Amino acid sequence: MSKELGAVFKTLRNNCTLTQQQVADVLHIDRSTYAYYERGTTEPDLKALKKLASVFNVDATLLLPDEDGKIAVRVSDVTEVEGEKKLQKSGDELLDTRDDKIYTLSKEEKTFLSYYRVLTKEQKKSLKEFFENLDE
């Protein structure tokens, strides 16, 4: 596995403000196994790669190597996206520099969002219905 892909995983994870443990929990693997992915020591299988793409909200095909073994996405591609709002970390809060609103997510909320991203459409629909029924 390329160290480049490992660096992309780390950058994507940091952009989502997730810990290695939170990502590992979503993948149902040990934190050390996920850490090996970031170091480029080992590579995730296709199923894990697809889940990682969902958690990080990127197209999985960008993480797959081409025939030369190179991946389409680079660290520079994921650290600064042109035209999108930029977030600055301020303690445990994220400050949206575009409209000065402060958004905070607890570790539990970040983990929940990571789990949500890997659900199937049917599972997401069921979860939405569950939350809608709480209001009744």
N, C-alpha and C. Protein backbone atom coordinates (compact mmCIF):
# COMPACT_ATOMS: atom_id res chain seq x y z
N MET A 1 0.85 -1.19 0.00
CA MET A 1 0.00 0.00 0.00
C MET A 1 0.88 1.23 0.00
N SER A 2 0.43 2.24 -0.66
CA SER A 2 1.24 3.44 -0.74
C SER A 2 1.11 4.28 0.52
N LYS A 3 2.19 4.90 0.88
CA LYS A 3 2.18 5.83 2.01
C LYS A 3 1.29 7.02 1.67
N GLU A 4 1.19 7.31 0.38
CA GLU A 4 0.36 8.43 -0.07
C GLU A 4 -1.10 8.21 0.30
N LEU A 5 -1.62 7.00 0.08
CA LEU A 5 -3.00 6.71 0.44
C LEU A 5 -3.19 6.78 1.95
N GLY A 6 -2.21 6.31 2.69
CA GLY A 6 -2.27 6.39 4.15
C GLY A 6 -2.35 7.84 4.61
N ALA A 7 -1.58 8.71 3.97
CA ALA A 7 -1.61 10.14 4.31
C ALA A 7 -2.97 10.74 3.95
N VAL A 8 -3.57 10.28 2.86
CA VAL A 8 -4.90 10.75 2.48
C VAL A 8 -5.92 10.32 3.54
N PHE A 9 -5.84 9.06 3.99
CA PHE A 9 -6.75 8.59 5.05
C PHE A 9 -6.63 9.49 6.29
N LYS A 10 -5.40 9.76 6.69
CA LYS A 10 -5.17 10.58 7.89
C LYS A 10 -5.75 11.98 7.71
N THR A 11 -5.52 12.58 6.55
CA THR A 11 -6.02 13.93 6.30
C THR A 11 -7.55 13.94 6.27
N LEU A 12 -8.14 12.96 5.60
CA LEU A 12 -9.61 12.88 5.56
C LEU A 12 -10.19 12.70 6.96
N ARG A 13 -9.55 11.84 7.74
CA ARG A 13 -10.01 11.60 9.11
C ARG A 13 -9.92 12.89 9.93
N ASN A 14 -8.80 13.59 9.81
CA ASN A 14 -8.64 14.84 10.55
C ASN A 14 -9.65 15.89 10.08
N ASN A 15 -9.92 15.93 8.79
CA ASN A 15 -10.92 16.88 8.27
C ASN A 15 -12.30 16.60 8.85
N CYS A 16 -12.58 15.34 9.13
CA CYS A 16 -13.87 14.96 9.74
C CYS A 16 -13.82 15.08 11.27
N THR A 17 -12.66 15.47 11.78
CA THR A 17 -12.40 15.57 13.22
C THR A 17 -12.78 14.29 13.97
N LEU A 18 -12.39 13.18 13.38
CA LEU A 18 -12.61 11.88 14.00
C LEU A 18 -11.28 11.36 14.54
N THR A 19 -11.37 10.54 15.55
CA THR A 19 -10.18 9.87 16.07
C THR A 19 -9.97 8.56 15.31
N GLN A 20 -8.79 8.01 15.42
CA GLN A 20 -8.55 6.70 14.81
C GLN A 20 -9.49 5.67 15.42
N GLN A 21 -9.73 5.78 16.71
CA GLN A 21 -10.62 4.82 17.38
C GLN A 21 -12.04 4.90 16.83
N GLN A 22 -12.53 6.11 16.58
CA GLN A 22 -13.89 6.26 16.05
C GLN A 22 -14.00 5.62 14.67
N VAL A 23 -13.01 5.84 13.82
CA VAL A 23 -13.04 5.23 12.48
C VAL A 23 -12.94 3.71 12.60
N ALA A 24 -12.06 3.24 13.46
CA ALA A 24 -11.91 1.80 13.67
C ALA A 24 -13.21 1.17 14.17
N ASP A 25 -13.91 1.87 15.05
CA ASP A 25 -15.18 1.35 15.57
C ASP A 25 -16.19 1.18 14.44
N VAL A 26 -16.27 2.14 13.54
CA VAL A 26 -17.21 2.05 12.42
C VAL A 26 -16.85 0.87 11.52
N LEU A 27 -15.54 0.63 11.34
CA LEU A 27 -15.09 -0.46 10.49
C LEU A 27 -15.10 -1.81 11.21
N HIS A 28 -15.35 -1.78 12.53
CA HIS A 28 -15.32 -2.99 13.36
C HIS A 28 -13.95 -3.67 13.32
N ILE A 29 -12.90 -2.84 13.47
CA ILE A 29 -11.53 -3.33 13.52
C ILE A 29 -10.83 -2.69 14.71
N ASP A 30 -9.65 -3.20 15.06
CA ASP A 30 -8.86 -2.60 16.12
C ASP A 30 -8.30 -1.26 15.65
N ARG A 31 -8.09 -0.35 16.61
CA ARG A 31 -7.52 0.94 16.28
C ARG A 31 -6.15 0.78 15.64
N SER A 32 -5.38 -0.17 16.12
CA SER A 32 -4.03 -0.39 15.58
C SER A 32 -4.08 -0.80 14.10
N THR A 33 -5.11 -1.57 13.73
CA THR A 33 -5.26 -1.97 12.33
C THR A 33 -5.51 -0.74 11.47
N TYR A 34 -6.39 0.14 11.95
CA TYR A 34 -6.64 1.37 11.19
C TYR A 34 -5.37 2.23 11.14
N ALA A 35 -4.65 2.30 12.23
CA ALA A 35 -3.40 3.08 12.26
C ALA A 35 -2.42 2.56 11.20
N TYR A 36 -2.39 1.25 10.99
CA TYR A 36 -1.54 0.67 9.93
C TYR A 36 -1.97 1.16 8.55
N TYR A 37 -3.28 1.35 8.36
CA TYR A 37 -3.75 1.90 7.08
C TYR A 37 -3.17 3.30 6.87
N GLU A 38 -3.22 4.12 7.92
CA GLU A 38 -2.72 5.49 7.80
C GLU A 38 -1.20 5.52 7.59
N ARG A 39 -0.50 4.58 8.17
CA ARG A 39 0.96 4.52 7.99
C ARG A 39 1.35 3.95 6.64
N GLY A 40 0.41 3.29 5.98
CA GLY A 40 0.72 2.66 4.71
C GLY A 40 1.36 1.29 4.88
N THR A 41 1.27 0.74 6.10
CA THR A 41 1.84 -0.57 6.39
C THR A 41 0.99 -1.69 5.81
N THR A 42 -0.32 -1.56 5.97
CA THR A 42 -1.26 -2.53 5.42
C THR A 42 -2.34 -1.78 4.66
N GLU A 43 -3.12 -2.52 3.90
CA GLU A 43 -4.19 -1.87 3.15
C GLU A 43 -5.53 -2.48 3.50
N PRO A 44 -6.58 -1.67 3.46
CA PRO A 44 -7.91 -2.20 3.76
C PRO A 44 -8.42 -3.04 2.59
N ASP A 45 -9.28 -4.00 2.90
CA ASP A 45 -9.91 -4.74 1.81
C ASP A 45 -10.94 -3.84 1.14
N LEU A 46 -11.52 -4.30 0.07
CA LEU A 46 -12.45 -3.49 -0.71
C LEU A 46 -13.65 -3.05 0.12
N LYS A 47 -14.18 -3.94 0.94
CA LYS A 47 -15.33 -3.61 1.78
C LYS A 47 -14.97 -2.47 2.75
N ALA A 48 -13.82 -2.56 3.38
CA ALA A 48 -13.38 -1.52 4.32
C ALA A 48 -13.10 -0.22 3.58
N LEU A 49 -12.54 -0.32 2.38
CA LEU A 49 -12.25 0.87 1.58
C LEU A 49 -13.54 1.61 1.23
N LYS A 50 -14.57 0.86 0.89
CA LYS A 50 -15.86 1.47 0.57
C LYS A 50 -16.46 2.14 1.81
N LYS A 51 -16.33 1.48 2.97
CA LYS A 51 -16.83 2.08 4.21
C LYS A 51 -16.05 3.35 4.55
N LEU A 52 -14.73 3.30 4.36
CA LEU A 52 -13.91 4.49 4.62
C LEU A 52 -14.35 5.65 3.73
N ALA A 53 -14.61 5.36 2.48
CA ALA A 53 -15.07 6.41 1.55
C ALA A 53 -16.39 7.00 2.04
N SER A 54 -17.28 6.15 2.54
CA SER A 54 -18.56 6.64 3.07
C SER A 54 -18.36 7.50 4.31
N VAL A 55 -17.53 7.03 5.22
CA VAL A 55 -17.27 7.78 6.45
C VAL A 55 -16.67 9.14 6.13
N PHE A 56 -15.74 9.17 5.19
CA PHE A 56 -15.05 10.42 4.85
C PHE A 56 -15.81 11.23 3.80
N ASN A 57 -16.93 10.67 3.32
CA ASN A 57 -17.79 11.36 2.35
C ASN A 57 -17.04 11.69 1.06
N VAL A 58 -16.32 10.70 0.53
CA VAL A 58 -15.64 10.84 -0.75
C VAL A 58 -16.02 9.67 -1.66
N ASP A 59 -15.83 9.84 -2.94
CA ASP A 59 -16.11 8.79 -3.92
C ASP A 59 -15.05 7.69 -3.75
N ALA A 60 -15.49 6.46 -3.56
CA ALA A 60 -14.58 5.34 -3.33
C ALA A 60 -13.62 5.13 -4.49
N THR A 61 -14.04 5.45 -5.70
CA THR A 61 -13.17 5.24 -6.86
C THR A 61 -11.92 6.12 -6.80
N LEU A 62 -11.99 7.22 -6.06
CA LEU A 62 -10.82 8.09 -5.92
C LEU A 62 -9.74 7.44 -5.06
N LEU A 63 -10.14 6.48 -4.24
CA LEU A 63 -9.19 5.82 -3.34
C LEU A 63 -8.60 4.54 -3.93
N LEU A 64 -9.13 4.12 -5.08
CA LEU A 64 -8.64 2.90 -5.72
C LEU A 64 -7.44 3.22 -6.60
N PRO A 65 -6.40 2.40 -6.54
CA PRO A 65 -5.23 2.66 -7.40
C PRO A 65 -5.52 2.34 -8.86
N ASP A 66 -4.87 3.08 -9.75
CA ASP A 66 -5.01 2.79 -11.18
C ASP A 66 -4.04 1.67 -11.56
N GLU A 67 -3.89 1.41 -12.86
CA GLU A 67 -3.03 0.30 -13.29
C GLU A 67 -1.56 0.51 -12.92
N ASP A 68 -1.16 1.77 -12.69
CA ASP A 68 0.20 2.07 -12.27
C ASP A 68 0.36 2.08 -10.75
N GLY A 69 -0.74 1.79 -10.04
CA GLY A 69 -0.70 1.77 -8.59
C GLY A 69 -0.86 3.14 -7.95
N LYS A 70 -1.21 4.16 -8.74
CA LYS A 70 -1.38 5.51 -8.21
C LYS A 70 -2.85 5.76 -7.93
N ILE A 71 -3.09 6.52 -6.87
CA ILE A 71 -4.47 6.88 -6.54
C ILE A 71 -4.79 8.26 -7.11
N ALA A 72 -6.07 8.48 -7.38
CA ALA A 72 -6.48 9.73 -8.03
C ALA A 72 -6.45 10.92 -7.08
N VAL A 73 -6.71 10.69 -5.80
CA VAL A 73 -6.78 11.79 -4.84
C VAL A 73 -5.43 11.95 -4.15
N ARG A 74 -5.07 13.17 -3.88
CA ARG A 74 -3.83 13.48 -3.19
C ARG A 74 -4.16 14.25 -1.91
N VAL A 75 -3.21 14.29 -1.00
CA VAL A 75 -3.43 15.00 0.26
C VAL A 75 -3.80 16.45 -0.01
N SER A 76 -3.15 17.07 -0.96
CA SER A 76 -3.44 18.48 -1.28
C SER A 76 -4.87 18.65 -1.78
N ASP A 77 -5.44 17.61 -2.36
CA ASP A 77 -6.82 17.68 -2.85
C ASP A 77 -7.83 17.71 -1.71
N VAL A 78 -7.49 17.10 -0.60
CA VAL A 78 -8.45 16.99 0.49
C VAL A 78 -8.20 17.98 1.62
N THR A 79 -7.08 18.69 1.60
CA THR A 79 -6.82 19.63 2.68
C THR A 79 -7.46 20.98 2.42
N GLU A 80 -7.62 21.33 1.17
CA GLU A 80 -8.21 22.63 0.86
C GLU A 80 -9.01 22.51 -0.42
N VAL A 81 -10.32 22.62 -0.31
CA VAL A 81 -11.19 22.48 -1.45
C VAL A 81 -11.66 23.87 -1.87
N GLU A 82 -11.39 24.23 -3.11
CA GLU A 82 -11.74 25.55 -3.63
C GLU A 82 -13.24 25.77 -3.59
N GLY A 83 -13.67 26.93 -3.10
CA GLY A 83 -15.07 27.31 -3.13
C GLY A 83 -15.91 26.79 -1.98
N GLU A 84 -15.37 25.90 -1.16
CA GLU A 84 -16.14 25.39 -0.03
C GLU A 84 -15.76 26.16 1.22
N LYS A 85 -16.68 26.17 2.17
CA LYS A 85 -16.37 26.87 3.40
C LYS A 85 -15.22 26.18 4.11
N LYS A 86 -14.38 26.96 4.74
CA LYS A 86 -13.23 26.43 5.45
C LYS A 86 -13.53 26.48 6.95
N LEU A 87 -13.14 25.45 7.63
CA LEU A 87 -13.38 25.36 9.06
C LEU A 87 -12.06 25.47 9.80
N GLN A 88 -12.05 26.24 10.86
CA GLN A 88 -10.87 26.35 11.70
C GLN A 88 -11.20 25.72 13.05
N LYS A 89 -10.25 24.99 13.59
CA LYS A 89 -10.49 24.36 14.88
C LYS A 89 -10.20 25.36 15.98
N SER A 90 -11.10 25.47 16.90
CA SER A 90 -10.94 26.38 18.03
C SER A 90 -11.32 25.59 19.28
N GLY A 91 -10.33 25.03 19.94
CA GLY A 91 -10.61 24.16 21.09
C GLY A 91 -11.31 22.93 20.60
N ASP A 92 -12.47 22.62 21.16
CA ASP A 92 -13.26 21.49 20.72
C ASP A 92 -14.36 21.93 19.76
N GLU A 93 -14.32 23.20 19.35
CA GLU A 93 -15.35 23.72 18.48
C GLU A 93 -14.79 23.99 17.09
N LEU A 94 -15.67 23.95 16.11
CA LEU A 94 -15.29 24.31 14.75
C LEU A 94 -15.96 25.63 14.40
N LEU A 95 -15.18 26.56 13.93
CA LEU A 95 -15.69 27.87 13.57
C LEU A 95 -15.81 27.95 12.06
N ASP A 96 -17.01 28.18 11.59
CA ASP A 96 -17.24 28.37 10.16
C ASP A 96 -16.85 29.81 9.85
N THR A 97 -15.74 29.99 9.13
CA THR A 97 -15.21 31.33 8.90
C THR A 97 -16.06 32.12 7.91
N ARG A 98 -17.01 31.47 7.25
CA ARG A 98 -17.82 32.16 6.27
C ARG A 98 -18.97 32.92 6.92
N ASP A 99 -19.54 32.40 7.99
CA ASP A 99 -20.67 33.09 8.60
C ASP A 99 -20.57 33.21 10.11
N ASP A 100 -19.41 32.93 10.66
CA ASP A 100 -19.13 33.10 12.09
C ASP A 100 -20.03 32.30 13.02
N LYS A 101 -20.66 31.24 12.52
CA LYS A 101 -21.44 30.35 13.38
C LYS A 101 -20.51 29.30 13.96
N ILE A 102 -20.76 28.90 15.17
CA ILE A 102 -19.95 27.86 15.80
C ILE A 102 -20.75 26.57 15.85
N TYR A 103 -20.13 25.51 15.34
CA TYR A 103 -20.74 24.20 15.34
C TYR A 103 -19.92 23.30 16.25
N THR A 104 -20.58 22.57 17.11
CA THR A 104 -19.86 21.63 17.95
C THR A 104 -20.53 20.26 17.83
N LEU A 105 -19.71 19.26 17.71
CA LEU A 105 -20.18 17.89 17.74
C LEU A 105 -19.39 17.17 18.81
N SER A 106 -20.08 16.45 19.66
CA SER A 106 -19.39 15.65 20.66
C SER A 106 -18.76 14.44 19.96
N LYS A 107 -17.89 13.76 20.66
CA LYS A 107 -17.29 12.54 20.10
C LYS A 107 -18.38 11.53 19.77
N GLU A 108 -19.37 11.44 20.63
CA GLU A 108 -20.48 10.51 20.41
C GLU A 108 -21.25 10.86 19.14
N GLU A 109 -21.48 12.15 18.92
CA GLU A 109 -22.19 12.59 17.72
C GLU A 109 -21.38 12.32 16.45
N LYS A 110 -20.07 12.53 16.52
CA LYS A 110 -19.21 12.26 15.37
C LYS A 110 -19.23 10.76 15.04
N THR A 111 -19.19 9.94 16.08
CA THR A 111 -19.23 8.50 15.86
C THR A 111 -20.57 8.10 15.25
N PHE A 112 -21.66 8.67 15.76
CA PHE A 112 -22.99 8.38 15.22
C PHE A 112 -23.06 8.75 13.74
N LEU A 113 -22.54 9.92 13.38
CA LEU A 113 -22.54 10.36 11.99
C LEU A 113 -21.73 9.40 11.12
N SER A 114 -20.61 8.93 11.64
CA SER A 114 -19.80 7.97 10.89
C SER A 114 -20.56 6.68 10.64
N TYR A 115 -21.26 6.20 11.65
CA TYR A 115 -22.08 5.00 11.48
C TYR A 115 -23.20 5.25 10.47
N TYR A 116 -23.83 6.41 10.54
CA TYR A 116 -24.92 6.74 9.63
C TYR A 116 -24.44 6.71 8.18
N ARG A 117 -23.26 7.22 7.93
CA ARG A 117 -22.75 7.30 6.56
C ARG A 117 -22.55 5.93 5.91
N VAL A 118 -22.38 4.89 6.69
CA VAL A 118 -22.16 3.57 6.11
C VAL A 118 -23.43 2.71 6.06
N LEU A 119 -24.56 3.28 6.48
CA LEU A 119 -25.82 2.56 6.40
C LEU A 119 -26.30 2.45 4.95
N THR A 120 -27.08 1.43 4.69
CA THR A 120 -27.72 1.31 3.38
C THR A 120 -28.86 2.32 3.29
N LYS A 121 -29.38 2.53 2.09
CA LYS A 121 -30.50 3.46 1.92
C LYS A 121 -31.69 3.03 2.75
N GLU A 122 -31.96 1.74 2.77
CA GLU A 122 -33.09 1.22 3.55
C GLU A 122 -32.88 1.45 5.05
N GLN A 123 -31.66 1.24 5.53
CA GLN A 123 -31.37 1.47 6.94
C GLN A 123 -31.51 2.95 7.29
N LYS A 124 -31.05 3.83 6.39
CA LYS A 124 -31.19 5.27 6.62
C LYS A 124 -32.67 5.66 6.66
N LYS A 125 -33.47 5.06 5.78
CA LYS A 125 -34.90 5.34 5.75
C LYS A 125 -35.55 4.91 7.07
N SER A 126 -35.18 3.73 7.55
CA SER A 126 -35.74 3.23 8.81
C SER A 126 -35.34 4.13 9.98
N LEU A 127 -34.11 4.57 9.99
CA LEU A 127 -33.64 5.45 11.05
C LEU A 127 -34.37 6.79 11.01
N LYS A 128 -34.56 7.33 9.82
CA LYS A 128 -35.29 8.58 9.66
C LYS A 128 -36.71 8.44 10.19
N GLU A 129 -37.36 7.32 9.84
CA GLU A 129 -38.72 7.07 10.32
C GLU A 129 -38.75 6.96 11.85
N PHE A 130 -37.74 6.32 12.40
CA PHE A 130 -37.64 6.20 13.86
C PHE A 130 -37.61 7.59 14.51
N PHE A 131 -36.75 8.47 14.00
CA PHE A 131 -36.64 9.81 14.56
C PHE A 131 -37.90 10.63 14.33
N GLU A 132 -38.53 10.46 13.20
CA GLU A 132 -39.78 11.18 12.93
C GLU A 132 -40.86 10.75 13.91
N ASN A 133 -40.88 9.47 14.27
CA ASN A 133 -41.87 8.96 15.20
C ASN A 133 -41.63 9.42 16.64
N LEU A 134 -40.45 9.88 16.94
CA LEU A 134 -40.17 10.38 18.29
C LEU A 134 -40.96 11.66 18.56
N ASP A 135 -41.27 12.41 17.53
CA ASP A 135 -42.00 13.67 17.69
C ASP A 135 -43.47 13.45 18.01
N GLU A 136 -43.98 12.29 17.68
CA GLU A 136 -45.41 12.03 17.85
C GLU A 136 -45.78 11.72 19.26
